[in-house]
């Protein structure tokens, strides 16, 4: 299956928190979207790897993404190794995305920056014709964009997601072991900053802050590794 956009996250729920509004906007525009999680988030204080796989699939269905796969790398300990580069490149060749989204290049959680560099480099390796990966044809995406996460990094571009904010919160709440849902499950496991009811105030406030630059209500922010070109001077209006 060829996809238009393939979004990678170091952990299940990274994509939901940072860029699923943008993904849903493109899905509604007719683009095919997929998600690849590098780890199962097994080091998270709440829940389990098995449960987070179920939650990730539930979120995929809400979002409308075509596929979601998990590469099973070691949460907190995955490295920039040949094995992991090949694993990511295999997904890129398998789905042949035009655009890849990846974690923030710099963030509070060390896995985010590691994941960003791993995915970006794998996009390059995927295009090298002398690397054989299960006989799959070489493929290099046209662009790699990094969604911003915890750190307030100056964005290179911003996407209006105002009509999708409510559904974004629904996708996040699909991870009921991690986030506040207003059910008895909220009392299971240790209290964490993201399990509190007011965490969603932070999510909305961050997207409101992103949106201020383009004078909309909610937006998601991205950085680029390579300066993109534009067809004309009106592309950014």
C-alpha atoms as a PDB file:
ATOM      1  CA  UNK A   1       0.000   0.000   0.000  1.00  0.00           C
ATOM      2  CA  UNK A   2       1.429   3.355  -1.012  1.00  0.00           C
ATOM      3  CA  UNK A   3       0.821   6.149   1.483  1.00  0.00           C
ATOM      4  CA  UNK A   4       1.018   9.900   1.054  1.00  0.00           C
ATOM      5  CA  UNK A   5       2.125  10.650   4.624  1.00  0.00           C
ATOM      6  CA  UNK A   6       3.871   8.347   7.103  1.00  0.00           C
ATOM      7  CA  UNK A   7       4.107   9.669  10.675  1.00  0.00           C
ATOM      8  CA  UNK A   8       6.655   8.177  13.058  1.00  0.00           C
ATOM      9  CA  UNK A   9       6.586   8.451  16.850  1.00  0.00           C
ATOM     10  CA  UNK A  10       9.133   7.260  19.389  1.00  0.00           C
ATOM     11  CA  UNK A  11       6.204   6.201  21.596  1.00  0.00           C
ATOM     12  CA  UNK A  12       2.543   5.368  21.034  1.00  0.00           C
ATOM     13  CA  UNK A  13       0.711   8.686  21.622  1.00  0.00           C
ATOM     14  CA  UNK A  14       3.537  10.965  20.358  1.00  0.00           C
ATOM     15  CA  UNK A  15       1.710  11.359  17.054  1.00  0.00           C
ATOM     16  CA  UNK A  16      -1.609  11.959  18.798  1.00  0.00           C
ATOM     17  CA  UNK A  17      -0.232  14.681  21.040  1.00  0.00           C
ATOM     18  CA  UNK A  18       1.731  16.561  18.402  1.00  0.00           C
ATOM     19  CA  UNK A  19       0.391  16.105  14.876  1.00  0.00           C
ATOM     20  CA  UNK A  20      -2.802  14.056  14.603  1.00  0.00           C
ATOM     21  CA  UNK A  21      -4.871  17.157  13.832  1.00  0.00           C
ATOM     22  CA  UNK A  22      -2.697  17.720  10.777  1.00  0.00           C
ATOM     23  CA  UNK A  23      -3.031  14.064   9.801  1.00  0.00           C
ATOM     24  CA  UNK A  24      -6.822  14.131  10.075  1.00  0.00           C
ATOM     25  CA  UNK A  25      -6.955  17.303   8.014  1.00  0.00           C
ATOM     26  CA  UNK A  26      -5.058  15.551   5.226  1.00  0.00           C
ATOM     27  CA  UNK A  27      -7.123  12.372   5.550  1.00  0.00           C
ATOM     28  CA  UNK A  28     -10.277  14.430   5.004  1.00  0.00           C
ATOM     29  CA  UNK A  29      -8.595  15.974   1.951  1.00  0.00           C
ATOM     30  CA  UNK A  30      -8.220  12.491   0.453  1.00  0.00           C
ATOM     31  CA  UNK A  31      -4.619  11.675   1.357  1.00  0.00           C
ATOM     32  CA  UNK A  32      -3.604   8.247   2.664  1.00  0.00           C
ATOM     33  CA  UNK A  33      -1.891   8.361   6.043  1.00  0.00           C
ATOM     34  CA  UNK A  34      -0.095   5.774   8.186  1.00  0.00           C
ATOM     35  CA  UNK A  35       1.613   5.687  11.588  1.00  0.00           C
ATOM     36  CA  UNK A  36       4.718   3.835  12.769  1.00  0.00           C
ATOM     37  CA  UNK A  37       5.585   3.698  16.475  1.00  0.00           C
ATOM     38  CA  UNK A  38       9.231   2.926  17.213  1.00  0.00           C
ATOM     39  CA  UNK A  39       8.629   1.510  20.726  1.00  0.00           C
ATOM     40  CA  UNK A  40       5.705   0.168  22.710  1.00  0.00           C
ATOM     41  CA  UNK A  41       6.203   2.749  25.472  1.00  0.00           C
ATOM     42  CA  UNK A  42       6.876  -0.037  27.954  1.00  0.00           C
ATOM     43  CA  UNK A  43       8.751   2.247  30.361  1.00  0.00           C
ATOM     44  CA  UNK A  44       5.702   4.446  30.897  1.00  0.00           C
ATOM     45  CA  UNK A  45       4.676   4.741  34.553  1.00  0.00           C
ATOM     46  CA  UNK A  46       1.138   3.585  33.778  1.00  0.00           C
ATOM     47  CA  UNK A  47      -0.322   0.820  31.652  1.00  0.00           C
ATOM     48  CA  UNK A  48       1.628  -1.872  29.816  1.00  0.00           C
ATOM     49  CA  UNK A  49       3.105  -2.501  26.390  1.00  0.00           C
ATOM     50  CA  UNK A  50       0.242  -4.852  25.513  1.00  0.00           C
ATOM     51  CA  UNK A  51      -2.404  -2.351  26.545  1.00  0.00           C
ATOM     52  CA  UNK A  52      -0.768   0.511  24.678  1.00  0.00           C
ATOM     53  CA  UNK A  53      -0.814  -1.515  21.462  1.00  0.00           C
ATOM     54  CA  UNK A  54      -4.577  -1.890  21.847  1.00  0.00           C
ATOM     55  CA  UNK A  55      -4.970   1.808  22.641  1.00  0.00           C
ATOM     56  CA  UNK A  56      -2.845   2.760  19.628  1.00  0.00           C
ATOM     57  CA  UNK A  57      -5.101   0.751  17.333  1.00  0.00           C
ATOM     58  CA  UNK A  58      -8.203   2.337  18.874  1.00  0.00           C
ATOM     59  CA  UNK A  59      -6.744   5.777  18.205  1.00  0.00           C
ATOM     60  CA  UNK A  60      -5.875   4.817  14.625  1.00  0.00           C
ATOM     61  CA  UNK A  61      -9.516   3.940  13.993  1.00  0.00           C
ATOM     62  CA  UNK A  62     -10.718   7.258  15.418  1.00  0.00           C
ATOM     63  CA  UNK A  63      -8.155   9.138  13.342  1.00  0.00           C
ATOM     64  CA  UNK A  64      -8.875   7.242  10.139  1.00  0.00           C
ATOM     65  CA  UNK A  65      -5.264   6.316   9.366  1.00  0.00           C
ATOM     66  CA  UNK A  66      -4.795   3.444   6.923  1.00  0.00           C
ATOM     67  CA  UNK A  67      -2.215   1.485   8.934  1.00  0.00           C
ATOM     68  CA  UNK A  68      -0.327   1.508  12.222  1.00  0.00           C
ATOM     69  CA  UNK A  69       2.724  -0.638  12.936  1.00  0.00           C
ATOM     70  CA  UNK A  70       5.057  -0.938  15.922  1.00  0.00           C
ATOM     71  CA  UNK A  71       8.762  -1.677  15.436  1.00  0.00           C
ATOM     72  CA  UNK A  72       9.296  -2.938  18.991  1.00  0.00           C
ATOM     73  CA  UNK A  73      12.480  -0.998  19.694  1.00  0.00           C
ATOM     74  CA  UNK A  74      13.566  -0.670  23.325  1.00  0.00           C
ATOM     75  CA  UNK A  75      11.776   2.217  25.018  1.00  0.00           C
ATOM     76  CA  UNK A  76      14.379   4.546  26.498  1.00  0.00           C
ATOM     77  CA  UNK A  77      17.302   2.537  25.167  1.00  0.00           C
ATOM     78  CA  UNK A  78      16.992   2.282  21.386  1.00  0.00           C
ATOM     79  CA  UNK A  79      20.105   3.434  19.562  1.00  0.00           C
ATOM     80  CA  UNK A  80      21.115   4.885  16.228  1.00  0.00           C
ATOM     81  CA  UNK A  81      22.208   1.462  14.981  1.00  0.00           C
ATOM     82  CA  UNK A  82      22.338  -0.208  11.589  1.00  0.00           C
ATOM     83  CA  UNK A  83      19.588  -2.588  12.708  1.00  0.00           C
ATOM     84  CA  UNK A  84      17.242   0.249  13.659  1.00  0.00           C
ATOM     85  CA  UNK A  85      18.053   2.303  10.559  1.00  0.00           C
ATOM     86  CA  UNK A  86      17.154  -0.702   8.415  1.00  0.00           C
ATOM     87  CA  UNK A  87      13.944  -1.292  10.388  1.00  0.00           C
ATOM     88  CA  UNK A  88      12.763   2.272   9.730  1.00  0.00           C
ATOM     89  CA  UNK A  89      13.964   2.252   6.125  1.00  0.00           C
ATOM     90  CA  UNK A  90      12.000  -0.968   5.574  1.00  0.00           C
ATOM     91  CA  UNK A  91       8.793   0.868   6.530  1.00  0.00           C
ATOM     92  CA  UNK A  92       9.640   3.750   4.195  1.00  0.00           C
ATOM     93  CA  UNK A  93      10.244   1.406   1.277  1.00  0.00           C
ATOM     94  CA  UNK A  94       7.153  -0.619   2.132  1.00  0.00           C
ATOM     95  CA  UNK A  95       4.780   2.363   2.155  1.00  0.00           C
ATOM     96  CA  UNK A  96       6.614   4.803  -0.160  1.00  0.00           C
ATOM     97  CA  UNK A  97       5.388   8.019   1.508  1.00  0.00           C
ATOM     98  CA  UNK A  98       5.833  11.371  -0.163  1.00  0.00           C
ATOM     99  CA  UNK A  99       6.103  13.053   3.257  1.00  0.00           C
ATOM    100  CA  UNK A 100       7.455  11.694   6.540  1.00  0.00           C
ATOM    101  CA  UNK A 101       6.658  13.246   9.924  1.00  0.00           C
ATOM    102  CA  UNK A 102       8.975  12.578  12.857  1.00  0.00           C
ATOM    103  CA  UNK A 103       9.577  13.576  16.455  1.00  0.00           C
ATOM    104  CA  UNK A 104      10.989  16.911  17.530  1.00  0.00           C
ATOM    105  CA  UNK A 105      14.735  17.286  16.954  1.00  0.00           C
ATOM    106  CA  UNK A 106      15.164  18.543  20.521  1.00  0.00           C
ATOM    107  CA  UNK A 107      12.856  17.805  23.437  1.00  0.00           C
ATOM    108  CA  UNK A 108      12.509  16.950  27.131  1.00  0.00           C
ATOM    109  CA  UNK A 109      12.325  13.192  26.526  1.00  0.00           C
ATOM    110  CA  UNK A 110      15.644  11.916  25.075  1.00  0.00           C
ATOM    111  CA  UNK A 111      13.805   9.362  22.909  1.00  0.00           C
ATOM    112  CA  UNK A 112      12.203  12.180  20.923  1.00  0.00           C
ATOM    113  CA  UNK A 113      15.460  13.650  19.645  1.00  0.00           C
ATOM    114  CA  UNK A 114      16.905  10.170  19.089  1.00  0.00           C
ATOM    115  CA  UNK A 115      13.832   9.125  17.161  1.00  0.00           C
ATOM    116  CA  UNK A 116      13.909  12.280  15.054  1.00  0.00           C
ATOM    117  CA  UNK A 117      17.488  11.699  13.941  1.00  0.00           C
ATOM    118  CA  UNK A 118      16.937   7.979  13.386  1.00  0.00           C
ATOM    119  CA  UNK A 119      13.913   8.524  11.133  1.00  0.00           C
ATOM    120  CA  UNK A 120      15.530  11.391   9.222  1.00  0.00           C
ATOM    121  CA  UNK A 121      18.688   9.375   8.519  1.00  0.00           C
ATOM    122  CA  UNK A 122      16.649   6.288   7.605  1.00  0.00           C
ATOM    123  CA  UNK A 123      14.822   8.336   4.966  1.00  0.00           C
ATOM    124  CA  UNK A 124      18.192   8.970   3.344  1.00  0.00           C
ATOM    125  CA  UNK A 125      19.349   5.349   3.650  1.00  0.00           C
ATOM    126  CA  UNK A 126      16.062   4.139   2.194  1.00  0.00           C
ATOM    127  CA  UNK A 127      16.944   5.855  -1.069  1.00  0.00           C
ATOM    128  CA  UNK A 128      20.357   4.211  -1.478  1.00  0.00           C
ATOM    129  CA  UNK A 129      20.145   1.640  -4.270  1.00  0.00           C
ATOM    130  CA  UNK A 130      22.989  -0.525  -2.928  1.00  0.00           C
ATOM    131  CA  UNK A 131      21.226  -1.241   0.360  1.00  0.00           C
ATOM    132  CA  UNK A 132      19.084  -4.350  -0.027  1.00  0.00           C
ATOM    133  CA  UNK A 133      16.108  -4.564   2.343  1.00  0.00           C
ATOM    134  CA  UNK A 134      14.062  -7.681   1.645  1.00  0.00           C
ATOM    135  CA  UNK A 135      14.102  -6.906  -2.065  1.00  0.00           C
ATOM    136  CA  UNK A 136      12.048  -3.724  -1.581  1.00  0.00           C
ATOM    137  CA  UNK A 137      12.598  -0.931  -4.086  1.00  0.00           C
ATOM    138  CA  UNK A 138      14.620   2.094  -2.880  1.00  0.00           C
ATOM    139  CA  UNK A 139      12.456   5.053  -1.902  1.00  0.00           C
ATOM    140  CA  UNK A 140      13.237   8.500  -0.547  1.00  0.00           C
ATOM    141  CA  UNK A 141      10.422  10.806   0.657  1.00  0.00           C
ATOM    142  CA  UNK A 142      10.178  14.261  -0.837  1.00  0.00           C
ATOM    143  CA  UNK A 143      10.235  15.869   2.614  1.00  0.00           C
ATOM    144  CA  UNK A 144      10.798  15.114   6.303  1.00  0.00           C
ATOM    145  CA  UNK A 145       9.060  17.408   8.798  1.00  0.00           C
ATOM    146  CA  UNK A 146       9.504  17.346  12.568  1.00  0.00           C
ATOM    147  CA  UNK A 147       6.495  18.085  14.770  1.00  0.00           C
ATOM    148  CA  UNK A 148       7.147  20.143  17.898  1.00  0.00           C
ATOM    149  CA  UNK A 149       6.464  18.548  21.278  1.00  0.00           C
ATOM    150  CA  UNK A 150       7.145  19.660  24.870  1.00  0.00           C
ATOM    151  CA  UNK A 151       9.765  22.308  24.157  1.00  0.00           C
ATOM    152  CA  UNK A 152       8.574  25.579  22.674  1.00  0.00           C
ATOM    153  CA  UNK A 153      10.773  25.547  19.589  1.00  0.00           C
ATOM    154  CA  UNK A 154      10.288  28.296  17.013  1.00  0.00           C
ATOM    155  CA  UNK A 155       8.265  26.766  14.194  1.00  0.00           C
ATOM    156  CA  UNK A 156       9.198  26.818  10.526  1.00  0.00           C
ATOM    157  CA  UNK A 157       5.551  26.385   9.532  1.00  0.00           C
ATOM    158  CA  UNK A 158       2.181  25.975  11.240  1.00  0.00           C
ATOM    159  CA  UNK A 159      -0.963  24.045  10.248  1.00  0.00           C
ATOM    160  CA  UNK A 160      -4.453  25.211  11.215  1.00  0.00           C
ATOM    161  CA  UNK A 161      -6.264  22.315  12.946  1.00  0.00           C
ATOM    162  CA  UNK A 162      -9.144  24.270  14.478  1.00  0.00           C
ATOM    163  CA  UNK A 163     -11.938  21.993  13.118  1.00  0.00           C
ATOM    164  CA  UNK A 164     -10.066  18.919  14.401  1.00  0.00           C
ATOM    165  CA  UNK A 165      -9.248  19.904  17.973  1.00  0.00           C
ATOM    166  CA  UNK A 166     -12.104  17.974  19.595  1.00  0.00           C
ATOM    167  CA  UNK A 167     -11.295  14.833  17.621  1.00  0.00           C
ATOM    168  CA  UNK A 168      -7.605  15.259  18.477  1.00  0.00           C
ATOM    169  CA  UNK A 169      -8.494  15.122  22.168  1.00  0.00           C
ATOM    170  CA  UNK A 170     -10.565  12.015  21.471  1.00  0.00           C
ATOM    171  CA  UNK A 171      -7.555  10.346  19.845  1.00  0.00           C
ATOM    172  CA  UNK A 172      -5.390  11.209  22.853  1.00  0.00           C
ATOM    173  CA  UNK A 173      -8.005   9.872  25.276  1.00  0.00           C
ATOM    174  CA  UNK A 174      -7.970   6.564  23.412  1.00  0.00           C
ATOM    175  CA  UNK A 175      -4.815   5.982  25.474  1.00  0.00           C
ATOM    176  CA  UNK A 176      -6.942   5.581  28.586  1.00  0.00           C
ATOM    177  CA  UNK A 177      -4.104   4.047  30.616  1.00  0.00           C
ATOM    178  CA  UNK A 178      -2.059   7.225  30.177  1.00  0.00           C
ATOM    179  CA  UNK A 179      -4.451  10.176  30.156  1.00  0.00           C
ATOM    180  CA  UNK A 180      -7.441  11.448  32.118  1.00  0.00           C
ATOM    181  CA  UNK A 181     -10.708  10.043  30.774  1.00  0.00           C
ATOM    182  CA  UNK A 182     -13.139  10.714  33.634  1.00  0.00           C
ATOM    183  CA  UNK A 183     -13.530   6.980  34.381  1.00  0.00           C
ATOM    184  CA  UNK A 184     -12.422   4.588  37.129  1.00  0.00           C
ATOM    185  CA  UNK A 185      -9.341   3.788  35.031  1.00  0.00           C
ATOM    186  CA  UNK A 186      -7.912   7.161  36.034  1.00  0.00           C
ATOM    187  CA  UNK A 187      -7.337   5.779  39.539  1.00  0.00           C
ATOM    188  CA  UNK A 188      -5.267   2.854  38.258  1.00  0.00           C
ATOM    189  CA  UNK A 189      -1.502   3.282  38.514  1.00  0.00           C
ATOM    190  CA  UNK A 190       0.648   6.143  39.785  1.00  0.00           C
ATOM    191  CA  UNK A 191      -0.287   9.769  39.262  1.00  0.00           C
ATOM    192  CA  UNK A 192       1.724  11.424  36.506  1.00  0.00           C
ATOM    193  CA  UNK A 193       1.709  14.899  34.931  1.00  0.00           C
ATOM    194  CA  UNK A 194      -0.116  13.583  31.856  1.00  0.00           C
ATOM    195  CA  UNK A 195      -2.731  11.622  33.821  1.00  0.00           C
ATOM    196  CA  UNK A 196      -4.154  14.721  35.502  1.00  0.00           C
ATOM    197  CA  UNK A 197      -7.364  16.347  34.324  1.00  0.00           C
ATOM    198  CA  UNK A 198      -5.659  19.675  33.648  1.00  0.00           C
ATOM    199  CA  UNK A 199      -3.171  18.124  31.194  1.00  0.00           C
ATOM    200  CA  UNK A 200      -5.696  18.699  28.420  1.00  0.00           C
ATOM    201  CA  UNK A 201      -5.674  22.399  29.299  1.00  0.00           C
ATOM    202  CA  UNK A 202      -1.969  22.326  28.477  1.00  0.00           C
ATOM    203  CA  UNK A 203      -2.570  20.531  25.160  1.00  0.00           C
ATOM    204  CA  UNK A 204      -5.161  23.085  24.100  1.00  0.00           C
ATOM    205  CA  UNK A 205      -3.076  26.018  25.344  1.00  0.00           C
ATOM    206  CA  UNK A 206      -0.050  24.839  23.382  1.00  0.00           C
ATOM    207  CA  UNK A 207      -2.071  24.527  20.187  1.00  0.00           C
ATOM    208  CA  UNK A 208      -3.609  27.938  20.857  1.00  0.00           C
ATOM    209  CA  UNK A 209      -0.105  29.383  21.223  1.00  0.00           C
ATOM    210  CA  UNK A 210       0.907  27.798  17.911  1.00  0.00           C
ATOM    211  CA  UNK A 211      -2.212  29.256  16.304  1.00  0.00           C
ATOM    212  CA  UNK A 212      -1.592  32.844  17.361  1.00  0.00           C
ATOM    213  CA  UNK A 213       0.990  33.403  14.626  1.00  0.00           C
ATOM    214  CA  UNK A 214      -1.558  32.645  11.899  1.00  0.00           C
ATOM    215  CA  UNK A 215      -4.592  34.076  13.706  1.00  0.00           C
ATOM    216  CA  UNK A 216      -6.638  30.907  14.031  1.00  0.00           C
ATOM    217  CA  UNK A 217      -7.846  29.091  17.159  1.00  0.00           C
ATOM    218  CA  UNK A 218      -5.758  25.891  17.169  1.00  0.00           C
ATOM    219  CA  UNK A 219      -2.682  24.837  15.195  1.00  0.00           C
ATOM    220  CA  UNK A 220       0.198  22.355  15.164  1.00  0.00           C
ATOM    221  CA  UNK A 221       3.790  23.434  14.585  1.00  0.00           C
ATOM    222  CA  UNK A 222       6.590  21.858  12.552  1.00  0.00           C
ATOM    223  CA  UNK A 223      10.280  22.245  11.807  1.00  0.00           C
ATOM    224  CA  UNK A 224      12.166  21.320   8.662  1.00  0.00           C
ATOM    225  CA  UNK A 225      15.599  19.756   8.247  1.00  0.00           C
ATOM    226  CA  UNK A 226      15.894  21.015   4.681  1.00  0.00           C
ATOM    227  CA  UNK A 227      14.502  24.332   3.471  1.00  0.00           C
ATOM    228  CA  UNK A 228      11.412  23.657   1.331  1.00  0.00           C
ATOM    229  CA  UNK A 229      10.699  25.383  -1.953  1.00  0.00           C
ATOM    230  CA  UNK A 230       7.384  26.966  -2.896  1.00  0.00           C
ATOM    231  CA  UNK A 231       5.578  27.065  -6.209  1.00  0.00           C
ATOM    232  CA  UNK A 232       4.752  30.741  -5.843  1.00  0.00           C
ATOM    233  CA  UNK A 233       4.672  33.514  -3.240  1.00  0.00           C
ATOM    234  CA  UNK A 234       1.021  32.804  -2.370  1.00  0.00           C
ATOM    235  CA  UNK A 235       1.597  29.249  -1.075  1.00  0.00           C
ATOM    236  CA  UNK A 236       1.895  30.444   2.522  1.00  0.00           C
ATOM    237  CA  UNK A 237      -1.185  32.680   2.649  1.00  0.00           C
END
